[in-house]
Each structure stands twice: as structure tokens, then as C-alpha cells.
Protein backbone atom coordinates (compact mmCIF):
# COMPACT_ATOMS: atom_id res chain seq x y z
CA UNK A 1 -16.58 -5.74 27.29
CA UNK A 2 -14.69 -7.61 24.56
CA UNK A 3 -17.58 -7.16 22.17
CA UNK A 4 -17.61 -3.37 22.69
CA UNK A 5 -13.86 -3.22 22.18
CA UNK A 6 -14.09 -5.21 18.96
CA UNK A 7 -16.96 -3.05 17.72
CA UNK A 8 -14.97 0.13 18.36
CA UNK A 9 -11.85 -1.30 16.73
CA UNK A 10 -13.87 -2.61 13.79
CA UNK A 11 -15.56 0.74 13.17
CA UNK A 12 -12.31 2.68 13.45
CA UNK A 13 -10.53 0.29 11.07
CA UNK A 14 -13.44 0.32 8.60
CA UNK A 15 -13.64 4.12 8.56
CA UNK A 16 -9.87 4.36 8.16
CA UNK A 17 -10.02 1.86 5.30
CA UNK A 18 -12.70 3.89 3.49
CA UNK A 19 -10.76 7.12 3.96
CA UNK A 20 -7.52 5.56 2.71
CA UNK A 21 -9.33 3.96 -0.22
CA UNK A 22 -10.36 7.33 -1.65
CA UNK A 23 -6.92 8.91 -1.27
CA UNK A 24 -3.92 8.31 -3.53
CA UNK A 25 -2.64 5.95 -0.81
CA UNK A 26 -5.33 3.41 -1.61
CA UNK A 27 -2.89 0.50 -1.46
CA UNK A 28 -2.44 1.12 2.27
CA UNK A 29 -6.15 0.56 2.88
CA UNK A 30 -5.70 -3.20 2.69
CA UNK A 31 -4.40 -3.44 6.27
CA UNK A 32 -7.39 -1.68 7.90
CA UNK A 33 -9.72 -3.72 5.66
CA UNK A 34 -8.25 -6.95 7.04
CA UNK A 35 -8.42 -5.67 10.63
CA UNK A 36 -12.05 -4.56 10.25
CA UNK A 37 -13.01 -7.85 8.60
CA UNK A 38 -11.42 -9.92 11.36
CA UNK A 39 -13.10 -7.77 14.02
CA UNK A 40 -16.42 -8.22 12.23
CA UNK A 41 -16.01 -11.97 12.18
CA UNK A 42 -15.13 -12.06 15.87
CA UNK A 43 -18.13 -9.87 16.71
CA UNK A 44 -20.31 -12.19 14.65
CA UNK A 45 -19.10 -15.22 16.59
CA UNK A 46 -19.67 -13.47 19.92
CA UNK A 47 -23.13 -12.30 18.84
CA UNK A 48 -24.10 -15.81 17.77
CA UNK A 49 -23.17 -17.15 21.21
CA UNK A 50 -25.05 -14.36 23.00
CA UNK A 51 -27.89 -14.37 20.44
CA UNK A 52 -27.81 -10.58 20.19
CA UNK A 53 -28.43 -8.19 17.29
CA UNK A 54 -25.98 -8.07 14.43
CA UNK A 55 -26.75 -4.58 13.08
CA UNK A 56 -23.30 -3.18 13.92
CA UNK A 57 -21.64 -6.07 12.13
CA UNK A 58 -23.57 -5.22 8.99
CA UNK A 59 -22.31 -1.64 9.09
CA UNK A 60 -18.72 -2.78 9.51
CA UNK A 61 -19.01 -5.25 6.64
CA UNK A 62 -20.66 -2.64 4.38
CA UNK A 63 -17.78 -0.23 4.97
CA UNK A 64 -15.27 -3.03 4.38
CA UNK A 65 -16.96 -3.92 1.08
CA UNK A 66 -16.99 -0.26 -0.01
CA UNK A 67 -13.30 0.20 0.87
CA UNK A 68 -12.31 -3.05 -0.82
CA UNK A 69 -14.22 -2.22 -3.99
CA UNK A 70 -12.70 1.27 -4.16
CA UNK A 71 -9.22 -0.13 -3.62
CA UNK A 72 -9.66 -2.75 -6.34
CA UNK A 73 -11.16 -0.19 -8.72
CA UNK A 74 -8.29 2.24 -8.19
CA UNK A 75 -5.65 -0.46 -8.60
CA UNK A 76 -7.15 -1.66 -11.88
CA UNK A 77 -8.12 1.58 -13.56
CA UNK A 78 -5.55 4.10 -12.36
CA UNK A 79 -2.53 4.59 -14.55
CA UNK A 80 0.58 6.45 -13.59
CA UNK A 81 1.52 8.93 -16.27
CA UNK A 82 5.13 9.70 -16.91
CA UNK A 83 5.71 13.23 -18.09
CA UNK A 84 8.29 14.49 -20.51
CA UNK A 85 11.61 13.09 -19.36
CA UNK A 86 13.72 14.95 -21.93
CA UNK A 87 14.23 17.90 -19.59
CA UNK A 88 15.27 15.62 -16.76
CA UNK A 89 17.77 13.79 -18.95
CA UNK A 90 19.20 17.09 -20.19
CA UNK A 91 19.55 18.39 -16.62
CA UNK A 92 21.32 15.16 -15.61
CA UNK A 93 23.79 15.55 -18.47
CA UNK A 94 24.46 19.17 -17.51
CA UNK A 95 25.04 18.17 -13.88
CA UNK A 96 27.45 15.46 -15.00
CA UNK A 97 29.41 17.93 -17.13
CA UNK A 98 29.51 20.46 -14.28
CA UNK A 99 30.83 17.87 -11.86
CA UNK A 100 33.49 16.80 -14.34
CA UNK A 101 34.62 20.43 -14.67
CA UNK A 102 34.72 20.83 -10.89
CA UNK A 103 36.82 17.69 -10.53
CA UNK A 104 39.25 18.87 -13.20
CA UNK A 105 39.69 22.22 -11.42
CA UNK A 106 40.67 20.59 -8.13
CA UNK A 107 44.40 20.37 -7.60
CA UNK A 108 45.55 17.35 -5.69
CA UNK A 109 48.78 17.50 -3.75
CA UNK A 110 50.78 14.30 -3.89
CA UNK A 111 52.82 15.16 -0.80
CA UNK A 112 50.88 12.98 1.60
């Protein structure tokens, strides 16, 4: 029963890790990678004691390796490009001037 639960959890975590690794949220795939790896190790220990087949463990580890390699590749080779910030700076200056004008137009009564 525990082995089946770990296999299901390992496959779900490994598939989630692969899916997250190919999206822009590839940094979040580290958590499912760790969960799938730990589940794979636990399944391996249980299978060694029971002397059963380890084919499912191989599939989990293959998906973990794929997700980990994609995550590492994206973290090394992806660069975040910053666009033209001149327009943003100009808009900030205009907003600052507008707020100064609004504050100057407000009359404050000192009769509190």
C-alpha cells in the first residue's frame, strides 16, 4: 500500500516538475523535483526489501533528470531583457508634476 502511494506521488511530482520546467516558472520546479526524487529513493528501498521490479523507479528518475536539466538550462541561458525605460521615467515625472499641482490646488483650513 505504501509503495503504491509513493509511486503515485512520485509520478505526479515528476510530471509536475517537467511541466513547470518548460514554463516561465521553471524556478518553481525544484520543489516537485525534490519530492519526486525522495519518493523514488523510498520506492527503491522498499523494492530492494521486497525484491520486486524497479521499472517505475526508472521512469520517475528519468522525468526528474529531464526536469532538472531543463531547469538548470533555463536558469543559465535565459536572460531577462529590460525594455526602453525612458517612457516609464517620463511618465513618472509627469505623474509627480501632476500630484504637485493637485496638492497646490488644495486649500487647507487651519480652523481645526
